[in-house]
Amino acid sequence: MTESVSLTVTGMKCGGCETNITSKLEAIEGVLSVNASSKNNEVNVEFDAEKTSLDVITNAIAGAGFTVEAP
């Protein structure tokens, strides 16, 4: 089952931050697409809920050094 989520992420300052988050999330099995925007403090993720979860995704973002607001 495919799900989409839009997360508010603080701490992104530039394209490098966007690339960092994108690469961390794309490494997770089940993540289908990632669009990170430092300008909007937003990360949109499409994922297969049978292979990963929102918790795994938010933990990966936090592990990269960014703060995820509650969805």
C-alpha atoms as a PDB file:
ATOM      1  CA  MET A   1       0.000   0.000   0.000  1.00  0.00           C
ATOM      2  CA  THR A   2       1.495   3.320  -1.095  1.00  0.00           C
ATOM      3  CA  GLU A   3       1.292   6.274   1.275  1.00  0.00           C
ATOM      4  CA  SER A   4       2.362   9.890   0.927  1.00  0.00           C
ATOM      5  CA  VAL A   5       3.319  12.200   3.756  1.00  0.00           C
ATOM      6  CA  SER A   6       4.392  15.827   3.955  1.00  0.00           C
ATOM      7  CA  LEU A   7       6.667  16.543   6.919  1.00  0.00           C
ATOM      8  CA  THR A   8       7.786  19.875   8.318  1.00  0.00           C
ATOM      9  CA  VAL A   9      11.543  19.614   8.837  1.00  0.00           C
ATOM     10  CA  THR A  10      13.598  22.349  10.475  1.00  0.00           C
ATOM     11  CA  GLY A  11      17.333  22.764  10.254  1.00  0.00           C
ATOM     12  CA  MET A  12      17.651  22.536   6.458  1.00  0.00           C
ATOM     13  CA  LYS A  13      19.644  25.546   5.247  1.00  0.00           C
ATOM     14  CA  CYS A  14      20.688  24.713   1.682  1.00  0.00           C
ATOM     15  CA  GLY A  15      20.689  22.286  -1.211  1.00  0.00           C
ATOM     16  CA  GLY A  16      23.283  20.180   0.576  1.00  0.00           C
ATOM     17  CA  CYS A  17      20.822  19.593   3.399  1.00  0.00           C
ATOM     18  CA  GLU A  18      18.158  18.610   0.877  1.00  0.00           C
ATOM     19  CA  THR A  19      20.575  16.164  -0.757  1.00  0.00           C
ATOM     20  CA  ASN A  20      21.560  14.716   2.628  1.00  0.00           C
ATOM     21  CA  ILE A  21      17.948  14.016   3.621  1.00  0.00           C
ATOM     22  CA  THR A  22      17.068  12.707   0.156  1.00  0.00           C
ATOM     23  CA  SER A  23      19.968  10.247   0.105  1.00  0.00           C
ATOM     24  CA  LYS A  24      19.223   9.000   3.646  1.00  0.00           C
ATOM     25  CA  LEU A  25      15.572   8.387   2.805  1.00  0.00           C
ATOM     26  CA  GLU A  26      16.164   6.855  -0.624  1.00  0.00           C
ATOM     27  CA  ALA A  27      18.424   4.277   1.084  1.00  0.00           C
ATOM     28  CA  ILE A  28      15.420   2.942   3.023  1.00  0.00           C
ATOM     29  CA  GLU A  29      13.736  -0.050   1.398  1.00  0.00           C
ATOM     30  CA  GLY A  30      10.181   0.915   0.500  1.00  0.00           C
ATOM     31  CA  VAL A  31      10.770   4.640  -0.020  1.00  0.00           C
ATOM     32  CA  LEU A  32       9.565   5.403  -3.542  1.00  0.00           C
ATOM     33  CA  SER A  33      10.203   9.136  -3.864  1.00  0.00           C
ATOM     34  CA  VAL A  34      11.532  12.062  -1.843  1.00  0.00           C
ATOM     35  CA  ASN A  35      11.236  15.798  -2.438  1.00  0.00           C
ATOM     36  CA  ALA A  36      13.041  17.950   0.147  1.00  0.00           C
ATOM     37  CA  SER A  37      12.733  21.753   0.146  1.00  0.00           C
ATOM     38  CA  SER A  38      14.893  23.859   2.467  1.00  0.00           C
ATOM     39  CA  LYS A  39      13.004  26.948   1.302  1.00  0.00           C
ATOM     40  CA  ASN A  40       9.680  25.542   2.539  1.00  0.00           C
ATOM     41  CA  ASN A  41      11.100  23.463   5.441  1.00  0.00           C
ATOM     42  CA  GLU A  42       9.238  20.528   3.948  1.00  0.00           C
ATOM     43  CA  VAL A  43       9.984  16.945   2.972  1.00  0.00           C
ATOM     44  CA  ASN A  44       7.450  15.009   0.902  1.00  0.00           C
ATOM     45  CA  VAL A  45       7.846  11.246   0.930  1.00  0.00           C
ATOM     46  CA  GLU A  46       5.994   8.535  -0.956  1.00  0.00           C
ATOM     47  CA  PHE A  47       6.535   5.060   0.487  1.00  0.00           C
ATOM     48  CA  ASP A  48       5.296   1.484   0.534  1.00  0.00           C
ATOM     49  CA  ALA A  49       3.729   1.032   3.972  1.00  0.00           C
ATOM     50  CA  GLU A  50       4.237  -2.726   3.747  1.00  0.00           C
ATOM     51  CA  LYS A  51       8.029  -2.265   3.581  1.00  0.00           C
ATOM     52  CA  THR A  52       8.669   0.738   5.845  1.00  0.00           C
ATOM     53  CA  SER A  53       6.877   3.072   8.226  1.00  0.00           C
ATOM     54  CA  LEU A  54       6.573   6.741   9.063  1.00  0.00           C
ATOM     55  CA  ASP A  55       8.602   6.092  12.238  1.00  0.00           C
ATOM     56  CA  VAL A  56      11.523   4.717  10.211  1.00  0.00           C
ATOM     57  CA  ILE A  57      11.378   7.755   7.917  1.00  0.00           C
ATOM     58  CA  THR A  58      11.213  10.346  10.709  1.00  0.00           C
ATOM     59  CA  ASN A  59      13.997   8.566  12.630  1.00  0.00           C
ATOM     60  CA  ALA A  60      16.227   8.679   9.535  1.00  0.00           C
ATOM     61  CA  ILE A  61      15.648  12.427   9.175  1.00  0.00           C
ATOM     62  CA  ALA A  62      16.349  12.990  12.888  1.00  0.00           C
ATOM     63  CA  GLY A  63      19.438  10.787  12.614  1.00  0.00           C
ATOM     64  CA  ALA A  64      20.722  13.065   9.869  1.00  0.00           C
ATOM     65  CA  GLY A  65      20.597  15.960  12.340  1.00  0.00           C
ATOM     66  CA  PHE A  66      17.288  17.611  11.474  1.00  0.00           C
ATOM     67  CA  THR A  67      14.108  18.159  13.502  1.00  0.00           C
ATOM     68  CA  VAL A  68      10.836  16.677  12.294  1.00  0.00           C
ATOM     69  CA  GLU A  69       7.637  18.379  13.456  1.00  0.00           C
ATOM     70  CA  ALA A  70       4.768  16.029  14.344  1.00  0.00           C
ATOM     71  CA  PRO A  71       2.728  15.271  11.207  1.00  0.00           C
END
